[in-house]
């Protein structure tokens, strides 16, 4: 028998916030056309990026309800099972010896690239400061460069995106796990996964630790749903509790209470060089301070269900300006000469 973990619903329950609809709000409720679940008008499809008139399905149908025991497909993937339980998992970027060697060589090259990108972004920012007094602070941020706490930076560029895709496109274990976690919605709703964003988190020695947070909200406080967004972190150095990320396992589930957060056990998983860290948008976490004497760089990719849009973390209203970085600063000299030769030959 398959059961879903849920809080006991009332006859006029809002399946997003869990509150009972009052006599006033019940008149304006919205019912899902597929499952007939009811929602406050303000709760229906809230924080999904979907307009209320764009789909007939609610978040429960779009995400899929997490039932116990897991389906046989999930049970056959121990990494996915751990992810659904804890909200995160560590997975190898390659399994065979030859591929591991290639991955490690690629990551070493990208680590040097990340150092160069950071210097290029900082040089471009400092140049703008010399020319204008109206340049945004890095705390308020650019759409492609911002400070996420003292000594913690985020960079976004097409060069980084190409490198992230190069690493992931041959990682069958990661892509198969993402496929399993992001596409198990109701048979009445066909949902695909897509790559939403990529970038690089760059932490200087002595950087501060972040506040505990989630990257996105739970879309139901009544039912446990499958994830709608998953971060894939690719560390370009080995990470642990001295420079990594701290998680509160299980905090993405509805039976987990944050009222006793200080008494909850947190874990900073060790992610060796050559492995990746996957975590749920809804799990409580924070980046730890960099206690080592060298920089710590992470490439990241965020995969989502095709209908989801993050209107907060990547909002054009929040980050209105892109920092202009001359392309020659982002390109290695050897690469630049090769590109020139290629254009000449064409």
C-alpha atoms as a PDB file:
ATOM      1  CA  UNK A   1       0.000   0.000   0.000  1.00  0.00           C
ATOM      2  CA  UNK A   2       1.361   3.416  -0.993  1.00  0.00           C
ATOM      3  CA  UNK A   3       0.852   6.253   1.506  1.00  0.00           C
ATOM      4  CA  UNK A   4       1.775   9.922   1.393  1.00  0.00           C
ATOM      5  CA  UNK A   5       3.055  11.718   4.459  1.00  0.00           C
ATOM      6  CA  UNK A   6       0.605  14.560   5.102  1.00  0.00           C
ATOM      7  CA  UNK A   7      -0.945  16.622   7.819  1.00  0.00           C
ATOM      8  CA  UNK A   8      -4.590  15.785   8.498  1.00  0.00           C
ATOM      9  CA  UNK A   9      -6.628  17.961   6.108  1.00  0.00           C
ATOM     10  CA  UNK A  10      -9.938  19.580   6.932  1.00  0.00           C
ATOM     11  CA  UNK A  11     -12.826  19.774   4.470  1.00  0.00           C
ATOM     12  CA  UNK A  12     -11.833  23.263   3.263  1.00  0.00           C
ATOM     13  CA  UNK A  13      -8.082  23.146   3.737  1.00  0.00           C
ATOM     14  CA  UNK A  14      -5.623  25.209   1.711  1.00  0.00           C
ATOM     15  CA  UNK A  15      -3.114  22.656   0.437  1.00  0.00           C
ATOM     16  CA  UNK A  16      -0.371  25.289   0.226  1.00  0.00           C
ATOM     17  CA  UNK A  17      -0.395  26.942   3.676  1.00  0.00           C
ATOM     18  CA  UNK A  18      -2.353  24.287   5.579  1.00  0.00           C
ATOM     19  CA  UNK A  19      -4.894  26.740   7.026  1.00  0.00           C
ATOM     20  CA  UNK A  20      -8.617  26.157   6.925  1.00  0.00           C
ATOM     21  CA  UNK A  21     -10.430  28.461   4.526  1.00  0.00           C
ATOM     22  CA  UNK A  22     -12.752  30.860   6.329  1.00  0.00           C
ATOM     23  CA  UNK A  23     -16.324  31.544   5.255  1.00  0.00           C
ATOM     24  CA  UNK A  24     -15.025  34.647   3.483  1.00  0.00           C
ATOM     25  CA  UNK A  25     -12.056  33.089   1.699  1.00  0.00           C
ATOM     26  CA  UNK A  26     -13.883  29.895   0.735  1.00  0.00           C
ATOM     27  CA  UNK A  27     -15.914  31.962  -1.726  1.00  0.00           C
ATOM     28  CA  UNK A  28     -12.765  32.964  -3.628  1.00  0.00           C
ATOM     29  CA  UNK A  29     -10.867  29.690  -3.330  1.00  0.00           C
ATOM     30  CA  UNK A  30      -9.277  28.062  -6.351  1.00  0.00           C
ATOM     31  CA  UNK A  31      -9.654  24.339  -6.986  1.00  0.00           C
ATOM     32  CA  UNK A  32      -7.168  22.335  -9.012  1.00  0.00           C
ATOM     33  CA  UNK A  33      -8.896  21.064 -12.147  1.00  0.00           C
ATOM     34  CA  UNK A  34      -6.972  17.778 -11.975  1.00  0.00           C
ATOM     35  CA  UNK A  35      -7.070  16.742  -8.304  1.00  0.00           C
ATOM     36  CA  UNK A  36      -9.746  19.120  -6.922  1.00  0.00           C
ATOM     37  CA  UNK A  37      -7.529  20.285  -4.037  1.00  0.00           C
ATOM     38  CA  UNK A  38      -8.428  23.737  -2.736  1.00  0.00           C
ATOM     39  CA  UNK A  39      -6.194  26.774  -2.233  1.00  0.00           C
ATOM     40  CA  UNK A  40      -6.460  30.338  -1.043  1.00  0.00           C
ATOM     41  CA  UNK A  41      -6.355  32.526  -4.125  1.00  0.00           C
ATOM     42  CA  UNK A  42      -3.106  34.114  -2.876  1.00  0.00           C
ATOM     43  CA  UNK A  43      -1.579  30.653  -2.248  1.00  0.00           C
ATOM     44  CA  UNK A  44      -2.456  29.032  -5.567  1.00  0.00           C
ATOM     45  CA  UNK A  45       0.773  28.645  -7.610  1.00  0.00           C
ATOM     46  CA  UNK A  46       2.453  31.248  -5.351  1.00  0.00           C
ATOM     47  CA  UNK A  47       6.255  31.550  -5.751  1.00  0.00           C
ATOM     48  CA  UNK A  48       6.335  29.248  -8.770  1.00  0.00           C
ATOM     49  CA  UNK A  49       6.636  31.907 -11.474  1.00  0.00           C
ATOM     50  CA  UNK A  50       3.424  30.579 -13.077  1.00  0.00           C
ATOM     51  CA  UNK A  51       0.429  32.840 -13.671  1.00  0.00           C
ATOM     52  CA  UNK A  52      -2.812  31.466 -12.237  1.00  0.00           C
ATOM     53  CA  UNK A  53      -4.373  31.236 -15.708  1.00  0.00           C
ATOM     54  CA  UNK A  54      -1.438  29.400 -17.313  1.00  0.00           C
ATOM     55  CA  UNK A  55      -2.156  25.862 -16.112  1.00  0.00           C
ATOM     56  CA  UNK A  56      -5.000  23.671 -14.912  1.00  0.00           C
ATOM     57  CA  UNK A  57      -2.727  21.899 -12.415  1.00  0.00           C
ATOM     58  CA  UNK A  58      -1.765  22.789  -8.829  1.00  0.00           C
ATOM     59  CA  UNK A  59       1.731  22.421  -7.330  1.00  0.00           C
ATOM     60  CA  UNK A  60       0.860  18.972  -5.963  1.00  0.00           C
ATOM     61  CA  UNK A  61       0.125  17.710  -9.475  1.00  0.00           C
ATOM     62  CA  UNK A  62       3.018  19.602 -11.069  1.00  0.00           C
ATOM     63  CA  UNK A  63       5.611  18.380  -8.544  1.00  0.00           C
ATOM     64  CA  UNK A  64       4.300  14.951  -7.698  1.00  0.00           C
ATOM     65  CA  UNK A  65       3.486  13.697  -4.210  1.00  0.00           C
ATOM     66  CA  UNK A  66       6.300  11.919  -2.382  1.00  0.00           C
ATOM     67  CA  UNK A  67       4.821   8.588  -1.306  1.00  0.00           C
ATOM     68  CA  UNK A  68       6.226   5.969   1.065  1.00  0.00           C
ATOM     69  CA  UNK A  69       7.524   3.447   0.404  1.00  0.00           C
ATOM     70  CA  UNK A  70       9.333   4.912  -2.583  1.00  0.00           C
ATOM     71  CA  UNK A  71       8.586   3.590  -6.040  1.00  0.00           C
ATOM     72  CA  UNK A  72      10.816   0.801  -7.326  1.00  0.00           C
ATOM     73  CA  UNK A  73      12.537   3.290  -9.680  1.00  0.00           C
ATOM     74  CA  UNK A  74      13.579   5.439  -6.719  1.00  0.00           C
ATOM     75  CA  UNK A  75      14.547   2.468  -4.544  1.00  0.00           C
ATOM     76  CA  UNK A  76      16.921   1.268  -7.259  1.00  0.00           C
ATOM     77  CA  UNK A  77      18.859   4.541  -7.000  1.00  0.00           C
ATOM     78  CA  UNK A  78      20.393   4.804  -3.472  1.00  0.00           C
ATOM     79  CA  UNK A  79      21.687   8.325  -4.183  1.00  0.00           C
ATOM     80  CA  UNK A  80      18.152   9.520  -4.987  1.00  0.00           C
ATOM     81  CA  UNK A  81      16.793   7.771  -1.887  1.00  0.00           C
ATOM     82  CA  UNK A  82      19.325   9.560   0.335  1.00  0.00           C
ATOM     83  CA  UNK A  83      18.572  12.861  -1.381  1.00  0.00           C
ATOM     84  CA  UNK A  84      14.830  12.538  -0.720  1.00  0.00           C
ATOM     85  CA  UNK A  85      15.498  11.657   2.936  1.00  0.00           C
ATOM     86  CA  UNK A  86      18.171  14.249   3.789  1.00  0.00           C
ATOM     87  CA  UNK A  87      17.721  16.952   1.148  1.00  0.00           C
ATOM     88  CA  UNK A  88      21.262  16.544  -0.185  1.00  0.00           C
ATOM     89  CA  UNK A  89      23.721  13.912  -1.413  1.00  0.00           C
ATOM     90  CA  UNK A  90      27.301  13.570  -2.681  1.00  0.00           C
ATOM     91  CA  UNK A  91      27.897  11.813  -5.997  1.00  0.00           C
ATOM     92  CA  UNK A  92      30.945  11.055  -8.145  1.00  0.00           C
ATOM     93  CA  UNK A  93      31.426  12.962 -11.379  1.00  0.00           C
ATOM     94  CA  UNK A  94      32.930   9.824 -12.925  1.00  0.00           C
ATOM     95  CA  UNK A  95      33.190   6.160 -12.003  1.00  0.00           C
ATOM     96  CA  UNK A  96      35.745   4.499 -14.279  1.00  0.00           C
ATOM     97  CA  UNK A  97      39.466   5.233 -13.823  1.00  0.00           C
ATOM     98  CA  UNK A  98      39.986   6.825 -17.244  1.00  0.00           C
ATOM     99  CA  UNK A  99      37.028   9.183 -16.881  1.00  0.00           C
ATOM    100  CA  UNK A 100      38.071  10.106 -13.328  1.00  0.00           C
ATOM    101  CA  UNK A 101      41.503  11.127 -14.584  1.00  0.00           C
ATOM    102  CA  UNK A 102      39.956  13.287 -17.315  1.00  0.00           C
ATOM    103  CA  UNK A 103      37.523  14.901 -14.860  1.00  0.00           C
ATOM    104  CA  UNK A 104      40.277  15.768 -12.384  1.00  0.00           C
ATOM    105  CA  UNK A 105      42.419  17.307 -15.118  1.00  0.00           C
ATOM    106  CA  UNK A 106      39.445  19.332 -16.349  1.00  0.00           C
ATOM    107  CA  UNK A 107      38.570  20.568 -12.857  1.00  0.00           C
ATOM    108  CA  UNK A 108      42.161  21.642 -12.219  1.00  0.00           C
ATOM    109  CA  UNK A 109      42.053  23.714 -15.409  1.00  0.00           C
ATOM    110  CA  UNK A 110      38.701  25.219 -14.414  1.00  0.00           C
ATOM    111  CA  UNK A 111      40.024  26.090 -10.948  1.00  0.00           C
ATOM    112  CA  UNK A 112      42.709  28.224 -12.609  1.00  0.00           C
ATOM    113  CA  UNK A 113      40.006  29.696 -14.842  1.00  0.00           C
ATOM    114  CA  UNK A 114      37.869  30.599 -11.806  1.00  0.00           C
ATOM    115  CA  UNK A 115      40.811  32.468 -10.276  1.00  0.00           C
ATOM    116  CA  UNK A 116      41.255  34.380 -13.520  1.00  0.00           C
ATOM    117  CA  UNK A 117      37.544  35.152 -13.849  1.00  0.00           C
ATOM    118  CA  UNK A 118      37.416  36.558 -10.325  1.00  0.00           C
ATOM    119  CA  UNK A 119      40.389  38.839 -10.955  1.00  0.00           C
ATOM    120  CA  UNK A 120      38.777  39.967 -14.217  1.00  0.00           C
ATOM    121  CA  UNK A 121      35.427  40.764 -12.587  1.00  0.00           C
ATOM    122  CA  UNK A 122      37.127  42.651  -9.756  1.00  0.00           C
ATOM    123  CA  UNK A 123      39.303  44.582 -12.204  1.00  0.00           C
ATOM    124  CA  UNK A 124      36.237  45.543 -14.256  1.00  0.00           C
ATOM    125  CA  UNK A 125      34.358  46.610 -11.117  1.00  0.00           C
ATOM    126  CA  UNK A 126      37.250  48.714  -9.814  1.00  0.00           C
ATOM    127  CA  UNK A 127      37.567  50.373 -13.231  1.00  0.00           C
ATOM    128  CA  UNK A 128      33.890  51.374 -13.093  1.00  0.00           C
ATOM    129  CA  UNK A 129      34.329  52.799  -9.594  1.00  0.00           C
ATOM    130  CA  UNK A 130      37.028  55.110 -10.932  1.00  0.00           C
ATOM    131  CA  UNK A 131      34.729  56.377 -13.690  1.00  0.00           C
ATOM    132  CA  UNK A 132      31.436  56.851 -11.833  1.00  0.00           C
ATOM    133  CA  UNK A 133      29.981  57.428  -8.377  1.00  0.00           C
ATOM    134  CA  UNK A 134      26.707  55.706  -9.341  1.00  0.00           C
ATOM    135  CA  UNK A 135      28.083  52.187  -9.583  1.00  0.00           C
ATOM    136  CA  UNK A 136      26.088  49.653  -7.477  1.00  0.00           C
ATOM    137  CA  UNK A 137      27.857  48.194  -4.474  1.00  0.00           C
ATOM    138  CA  UNK A 138      28.760  44.531  -4.686  1.00  0.00           C
ATOM    139  CA  UNK A 139      26.435  43.913  -1.730  1.00  0.00           C
ATOM    140  CA  UNK A 140      23.454  45.189  -3.741  1.00  0.00           C
ATOM    141  CA  UNK A 141      24.945  43.367  -6.704  1.00  0.00           C
ATOM    142  CA  UNK A 142      25.065  43.130 -10.461  1.00  0.00           C
ATOM    143  CA  UNK A 143      23.145  40.503 -12.412  1.00  0.00           C
ATOM    144  CA  UNK A 144      26.447  38.737 -13.134  1.00  0.00           C
ATOM    145  CA  UNK A 145      28.635  39.655 -10.129  1.00  0.00           C
ATOM    146  CA  UNK A 146      27.758  40.157  -6.468  1.00  0.00           C
ATOM    147  CA  UNK A 147      28.979  39.667  -2.921  1.00  0.00           C
ATOM    148  CA  UNK A 148      27.016  37.063  -0.941  1.00  0.00           C
ATOM    149  CA  UNK A 149      28.551  37.998   2.419  1.00  0.00           C
ATOM    150  CA  UNK A 150      31.965  39.245   3.445  1.00  0.00           C
ATOM    151  CA  UNK A 151      34.551  37.652   1.152  1.00  0.00           C
ATOM    152  CA  UNK A 152      31.963  35.511  -0.689  1.00  0.00           C
ATOM    153  CA  UNK A 153      31.286  36.251  -4.365  1.00  0.00           C
ATOM    154  CA  UNK A 154      29.092  34.943  -7.159  1.00  0.00           C
ATOM    155  CA  UNK A 155      30.058  35.173 -10.840  1.00  0.00           C
ATOM    156  CA  UNK A 156      27.880  34.382 -13.858  1.00  0.00           C
ATOM    157  CA  UNK A 157      29.210  34.296 -17.418  1.00  0.00           C
ATOM    158  CA  UNK A 158      28.850  32.373 -20.669  1.00  0.00           C
ATOM    159  CA  UNK A 159      32.402  31.049 -20.210  1.00  0.00           C
ATOM    160  CA  UNK A 160      31.494  29.506 -16.857  1.00  0.00           C
ATOM    161  CA  UNK A 161      28.254  28.090 -18.273  1.00  0.00           C
ATOM    162  CA  UNK A 162      30.135  26.295 -21.065  1.00  0.00           C
ATOM    163  CA  UNK A 163      32.554  24.796 -18.554  1.00  0.00           C
ATOM    164  CA  UNK A 164      29.785  23.623 -16.217  1.00  0.00           C
ATOM    165  CA  UNK A 165      27.947  21.965 -19.103  1.00  0.00           C
ATOM    166  CA  UNK A 166      31.189  20.334 -20.272  1.00  0.00           C
ATOM    167  CA  UNK A 167      31.619  18.708 -16.852  1.00  0.00           C
ATOM    168  CA  UNK A 168      28.012  17.571 -16.464  1.00  0.00           C
ATOM    169  CA  UNK A 169      27.162  16.385 -19.968  1.00  0.00           C
ATOM    170  CA  UNK A 170      29.158  13.157 -19.484  1.00  0.00           C
ATOM    171  CA  UNK A 171      28.084  12.520 -15.875  1.00  0.00           C
ATOM    172  CA  UNK A 172      25.417   9.874 -16.392  1.00  0.00           C
ATOM    173  CA  UNK A 173      25.021   9.229 -12.657  1.00  0.00           C
ATOM    174  CA  UNK A 174      24.133  12.850 -11.921  1.00  0.00           C
ATOM    175  CA  UNK A 175      21.899  13.353 -14.947  1.00  0.00           C
ATOM    176  CA  UNK A 176      19.996  10.102 -14.334  1.00  0.00           C
ATOM    177  CA  UNK A 177      19.453  11.065 -10.685  1.00  0.00           C
ATOM    178  CA  UNK A 178      18.205  14.529 -11.672  1.00  0.00           C
ATOM    179  CA  UNK A 179      15.872  12.959 -14.224  1.00  0.00           C
ATOM    180  CA  UNK A 180      14.456  10.678 -11.548  1.00  0.00           C
ATOM    181  CA  UNK A 181      13.991  13.454  -8.966  1.00  0.00           C
ATOM    182  CA  UNK A 182      12.660  16.197 -11.239  1.00  0.00           C
ATOM    183  CA  UNK A 183      10.289  14.303 -13.526  1.00  0.00           C
ATOM    184  CA  UNK A 184       8.136  11.963 -11.392  1.00  0.00           C
ATOM    185  CA  UNK A 185       4.996  14.110 -11.514  1.00  0.00           C
ATOM    186  CA  UNK A 186       1.463  12.794 -11.942  1.00  0.00           C
ATOM    187  CA  UNK A 187       0.861  10.751 -15.090  1.00  0.00           C
ATOM    188  CA  UNK A 188      -1.706  13.404 -15.970  1.00  0.00           C
ATOM    189  CA  UNK A 189       1.011  16.089 -16.054  1.00  0.00           C
ATOM    190  CA  UNK A 190       4.038  15.724 -18.325  1.00  0.00           C
ATOM    191  CA  UNK A 191       6.947  17.665 -16.833  1.00  0.00           C
ATOM    192  CA  UNK A 192      10.518  17.884 -18.081  1.00  0.00           C
ATOM    193  CA  UNK A 193      13.591  19.230 -16.320  1.00  0.00           C
ATOM    194  CA  UNK A 194      15.649  22.155 -17.596  1.00  0.00           C
ATOM    195  CA  UNK A 195      18.851  23.969 -16.692  1.00  0.00           C
ATOM    196  CA  UNK A 196      17.858  27.293 -15.097  1.00  0.00           C
ATOM    197  CA  UNK A 197      21.218  28.881 -14.300  1.00  0.00           C
ATOM    198  CA  UNK A 198      24.938  28.290 -13.844  1.00  0.00           C
ATOM    199  CA  UNK A 199      27.724  30.223 -12.163  1.00  0.00           C
ATOM    200  CA  UNK A 200      30.632  30.189  -9.745  1.00  0.00           C
ATOM    201  CA  UNK A 201      30.745  30.820  -6.004  1.00  0.00           C
ATOM    202  CA  UNK A 202      34.155  32.126  -4.993  1.00  0.00           C
ATOM    203  CA  UNK A 203      35.186  32.346  -1.340  1.00  0.00           C
ATOM    204  CA  UNK A 204      38.313  34.147  -0.145  1.00  0.00           C
ATOM    205  CA  UNK A 205      40.372  33.006   2.873  1.00  0.00           C
ATOM    206  CA  UNK A 206      38.731  34.328   6.040  1.00  0.00           C
ATOM    207  CA  UNK A 207      35.323  34.808   4.399  1.00  0.00           C
ATOM    208  CA  UNK A 208      32.282  34.925   6.671  1.00  0.00           C
ATOM    209  CA  UNK A 209      29.724  32.157   7.062  1.00  0.00           C
ATOM    210  CA  UNK A 210      26.215  32.778   5.786  1.00  0.00           C
ATOM    211  CA  UNK A 211      22.962  32.966   7.686  1.00  0.00           C
ATOM    212  CA  UNK A 212      20.955  29.734   7.665  1.00  0.00           C
ATOM    213  CA  UNK A 213      18.509  29.874   4.764  1.00  0.00           C
ATOM    214  CA  UNK A 214      16.710  27.989   2.020  1.00  0.00           C
ATOM    215  CA  UNK A 215      17.029  28.838  -1.663  1.00  0.00           C
ATOM    216  CA  UNK A 216      13.293  28.451  -2.190  1.00  0.00           C
ATOM    217  CA  UNK A 217      10.105  27.823  -0.188  1.00  0.00           C
ATOM    218  CA  UNK A 218       8.153  24.600   0.290  1.00  0.00           C
ATOM    219  CA  UNK A 219       5.236  24.675  -2.150  1.00  0.00           C
ATOM    220  CA  UNK A 220       2.999  22.770   0.255  1.00  0.00           C
ATOM    221  CA  UNK A 221       2.980  22.663   4.048  1.00  0.00           C
ATOM    222  CA  UNK A 222       0.503  19.775   3.947  1.00  0.00           C
ATOM    223  CA  UNK A 223       2.066  17.229   1.595  1.00  0.00           C
ATOM    224  CA  UNK A 224       5.656  16.176   1.012  1.00  0.00           C
ATOM    225  CA  UNK A 225       6.329  16.860  -2.656  1.00  0.00           C
ATOM    226  CA  UNK A 226       9.170  15.908  -4.949  1.00  0.00           C
ATOM    227  CA  UNK A 227      11.748  18.699  -5.431  1.00  0.00           C
ATOM    228  CA  UNK A 228      11.062  21.438  -7.947  1.00  0.00           C
ATOM    229  CA  UNK A 229      14.654  22.739  -8.046  1.00  0.00           C
ATOM    230  CA  UNK A 230      18.022  21.103  -7.344  1.00  0.00           C
ATOM    231  CA  UNK A 231      21.429  22.735  -7.031  1.00  0.00           C
ATOM    232  CA  UNK A 232      24.464  20.854  -8.331  1.00  0.00           C
ATOM    233  CA  UNK A 233      27.689  22.149  -6.766  1.00  0.00           C
ATOM    234  CA  UNK A 234      30.973  21.126  -8.380  1.00  0.00           C
ATOM    235  CA  UNK A 235      33.807  22.034  -5.985  1.00  0.00           C
ATOM    236  CA  UNK A 236      37.049  22.963  -7.717  1.00  0.00           C
ATOM    237  CA  UNK A 237      38.879  22.077  -4.487  1.00  0.00           C
ATOM    238  CA  UNK A 238      38.055  19.471  -1.848  1.00  0.00           C
ATOM    239  CA  UNK A 239      35.609  20.842   0.736  1.00  0.00           C
ATOM    240  CA  UNK A 240      34.724  19.922   4.314  1.00  0.00           C
ATOM    241  CA  UNK A 241      33.621  21.704   7.505  1.00  0.00           C
ATOM    242  CA  UNK A 242      36.496  24.180   7.156  1.00  0.00           C
ATOM    243  CA  UNK A 243      35.334  25.603   3.831  1.00  0.00           C
ATOM    244  CA  UNK A 244      32.176  23.809   2.726  1.00  0.00           C
ATOM    245  CA  UNK A 245      28.406  23.931   3.177  1.00  0.00           C
ATOM    246  CA  UNK A 246      26.412  23.074   6.302  1.00  0.00           C
ATOM    247  CA  UNK A 247      23.021  21.330   6.051  1.00  0.00           C
ATOM    248  CA  UNK A 248      20.165  20.464   8.368  1.00  0.00           C
ATOM    249  CA  UNK A 249      19.219  16.999   7.067  1.00  0.00           C
ATOM    250  CA  UNK A 250      15.515  16.471   6.481  1.00  0.00           C
ATOM    251  CA  UNK A 251      14.615  20.156   6.855  1.00  0.00           C
ATOM    252  CA  UNK A 252      12.911  20.122   3.439  1.00  0.00           C
ATOM    253  CA  UNK A 253      10.199  17.783   4.741  1.00  0.00           C
ATOM    254  CA  UNK A 254       6.949  18.930   6.365  1.00  0.00           C
ATOM    255  CA  UNK A 255       7.487  16.860   9.541  1.00  0.00           C
ATOM    256  CA  UNK A 256      10.696  18.793  10.333  1.00  0.00           C
ATOM    257  CA  UNK A 257      10.266  21.701  12.744  1.00  0.00           C
ATOM    258  CA  UNK A 258      12.566  24.734  12.698  1.00  0.00           C
ATOM    259  CA  UNK A 259      11.379  25.837  16.161  1.00  0.00           C
ATOM    260  CA  UNK A 260      14.260  23.951  17.790  1.00  0.00           C
ATOM    261  CA  UNK A 261      16.832  24.751  15.096  1.00  0.00           C
ATOM    262  CA  UNK A 262      19.690  25.239  17.567  1.00  0.00           C
ATOM    263  CA  UNK A 263      19.132  21.719  18.924  1.00  0.00           C
ATOM    264  CA  UNK A 264      19.033  20.123  15.484  1.00  0.00           C
ATOM    265  CA  UNK A 265      22.109  18.280  14.282  1.00  0.00           C
ATOM    266  CA  UNK A 266      23.760  19.870  11.271  1.00  0.00           C
ATOM    267  CA  UNK A 267      26.217  18.241   8.885  1.00  0.00           C
ATOM    268  CA  UNK A 268      28.919  19.720   6.658  1.00  0.00           C
ATOM    269  CA  UNK A 269      29.485  16.862   4.198  1.00  0.00           C
ATOM    270  CA  UNK A 270      32.954  16.156   2.878  1.00  0.00           C
ATOM    271  CA  UNK A 271      32.973  16.569  -0.902  1.00  0.00           C
ATOM    272  CA  UNK A 272      36.284  15.327  -2.310  1.00  0.00           C
ATOM    273  CA  UNK A 273      37.769  16.829  -5.451  1.00  0.00           C
ATOM    274  CA  UNK A 274      36.091  14.967  -8.321  1.00  0.00           C
ATOM    275  CA  UNK A 275      32.673  14.640  -6.683  1.00  0.00           C
ATOM    276  CA  UNK A 276      29.572  16.848  -6.740  1.00  0.00           C
ATOM    277  CA  UNK A 277      27.078  17.974  -4.120  1.00  0.00           C
ATOM    278  CA  UNK A 278      23.368  17.936  -4.975  1.00  0.00           C
ATOM    279  CA  UNK A 279      20.856  19.645  -2.703  1.00  0.00           C
ATOM    280  CA  UNK A 280      17.186  20.532  -2.612  1.00  0.00           C
ATOM    281  CA  UNK A 281      16.163  24.183  -2.956  1.00  0.00           C
ATOM    282  CA  UNK A 282      14.012  23.756   0.178  1.00  0.00           C
ATOM    283  CA  UNK A 283      16.638  22.349   2.570  1.00  0.00           C
ATOM    284  CA  UNK A 284      18.063  24.628   5.279  1.00  0.00           C
ATOM    285  CA  UNK A 285      21.757  25.286   4.726  1.00  0.00           C
ATOM    286  CA  UNK A 286      24.509  27.882   4.796  1.00  0.00           C
ATOM    287  CA  UNK A 287      27.908  28.364   3.258  1.00  0.00           C
ATOM    288  CA  UNK A 288      30.594  28.124   5.931  1.00  0.00           C
ATOM    289  CA  UNK A 289      33.460  30.543   6.324  1.00  0.00           C
ATOM    290  CA  UNK A 290      36.665  29.691   4.496  1.00  0.00           C
ATOM    291  CA  UNK A 291      39.095  28.794   7.290  1.00  0.00           C
ATOM    292  CA  UNK A 292      41.855  27.726   4.907  1.00  0.00           C
ATOM    293  CA  UNK A 293      44.668  29.832   3.489  1.00  0.00           C
ATOM    294  CA  UNK A 294      43.553  29.424  -0.127  1.00  0.00           C
ATOM    295  CA  UNK A 295      40.488  30.395  -2.134  1.00  0.00           C
ATOM    296  CA  UNK A 296      37.537  28.033  -2.462  1.00  0.00           C
ATOM    297  CA  UNK A 297      35.673  27.948  -5.758  1.00  0.00           C
ATOM    298  CA  UNK A 298      32.471  26.077  -6.614  1.00  0.00           C
ATOM    299  CA  UNK A 299      30.938  25.836 -10.056  1.00  0.00           C
ATOM    300  CA  UNK A 300      27.190  25.359  -9.805  1.00  0.00           C
ATOM    301  CA  UNK A 301      24.186  24.500 -11.936  1.00  0.00           C
ATOM    302  CA  UNK A 302      20.535  24.704 -10.917  1.00  0.00           C
ATOM    303  CA  UNK A 303      18.117  22.281 -12.570  1.00  0.00           C
ATOM    304  CA  UNK A 304      14.372  22.813 -12.233  1.00  0.00           C
ATOM    305  CA  UNK A 305      11.058  21.458 -13.381  1.00  0.00           C
ATOM    306  CA  UNK A 306      10.210  23.104 -16.680  1.00  0.00           C
ATOM    307  CA  UNK A 307       7.413  25.241 -15.187  1.00  0.00           C
ATOM    308  CA  UNK A 308       9.443  26.774 -12.331  1.00  0.00           C
ATOM    309  CA  UNK A 309      10.880  30.295 -12.434  1.00  0.00           C
ATOM    310  CA  UNK A 310      12.934  31.755  -9.562  1.00  0.00           C
ATOM    311  CA  UNK A 311      11.631  35.318  -9.373  1.00  0.00           C
ATOM    312  CA  UNK A 312      13.723  36.205  -6.305  1.00  0.00           C
ATOM    313  CA  UNK A 313      17.304  34.957  -6.570  1.00  0.00           C
ATOM    314  CA  UNK A 314      17.574  35.825 -10.261  1.00  0.00           C
ATOM    315  CA  UNK A 315      15.109  38.688 -10.528  1.00  0.00           C
ATOM    316  CA  UNK A 316      15.792  41.435 -13.069  1.00  0.00           C
ATOM    317  CA  UNK A 317      14.109  43.746 -10.582  1.00  0.00           C
ATOM    318  CA  UNK A 318      16.546  42.762  -7.844  1.00  0.00           C
ATOM    319  CA  UNK A 319      19.669  42.869 -10.044  1.00  0.00           C
ATOM    320  CA  UNK A 320      19.021  45.467 -12.731  1.00  0.00           C
ATOM    321  CA  UNK A 321      22.551  46.042 -14.045  1.00  0.00           C
ATOM    322  CA  UNK A 322      25.144  43.745 -15.595  1.00  0.00           C
ATOM    323  CA  UNK A 323      28.808  44.457 -14.961  1.00  0.00           C
ATOM    324  CA  UNK A 324      30.593  44.944 -18.274  1.00  0.00           C
ATOM    325  CA  UNK A 325      33.692  42.740 -18.339  1.00  0.00           C
ATOM    326  CA  UNK A 326      35.903  42.957 -21.468  1.00  0.00           C
ATOM    327  CA  UNK A 327      35.980  39.538 -23.114  1.00  0.00           C
ATOM    328  CA  UNK A 328      39.775  39.568 -23.423  1.00  0.00           C
ATOM    329  CA  UNK A 329      40.023  39.555 -19.615  1.00  0.00           C
ATOM    330  CA  UNK A 330      38.039  36.307 -19.428  1.00  0.00           C
ATOM    331  CA  UNK A 331      39.958  34.494 -22.161  1.00  0.00           C
ATOM    332  CA  UNK A 332      43.333  32.864 -21.665  1.00  0.00           C
ATOM    333  CA  UNK A 333      46.019  34.179 -23.970  1.00  0.00           C
ATOM    334  CA  UNK A 334      46.447  30.795 -25.643  1.00  0.00           C
ATOM    335  CA  UNK A 335      42.690  30.458 -26.194  1.00  0.00           C
ATOM    336  CA  UNK A 336      42.533  33.957 -27.650  1.00  0.00           C
ATOM    337  CA  UNK A 337      45.286  33.193 -30.182  1.00  0.00           C
ATOM    338  CA  UNK A 338      43.582  29.919 -31.133  1.00  0.00           C
ATOM    339  CA  UNK A 339      40.291  31.742 -31.745  1.00  0.00           C
ATOM    340  CA  UNK A 340      42.050  34.315 -33.923  1.00  0.00           C
ATOM    341  CA  UNK A 341      43.693  31.552 -35.975  1.00  0.00           C
ATOM    342  CA  UNK A 342      40.341  29.826 -36.394  1.00  0.00           C
ATOM    343  CA  UNK A 343      38.693  33.041 -37.649  1.00  0.00           C
ATOM    344  CA  UNK A 344      41.588  33.611 -40.082  1.00  0.00           C
ATOM    345  CA  UNK A 345      41.338  30.092 -41.488  1.00  0.00           C
ATOM    346  CA  UNK A 346      37.605  30.513 -42.033  1.00  0.00           C
END
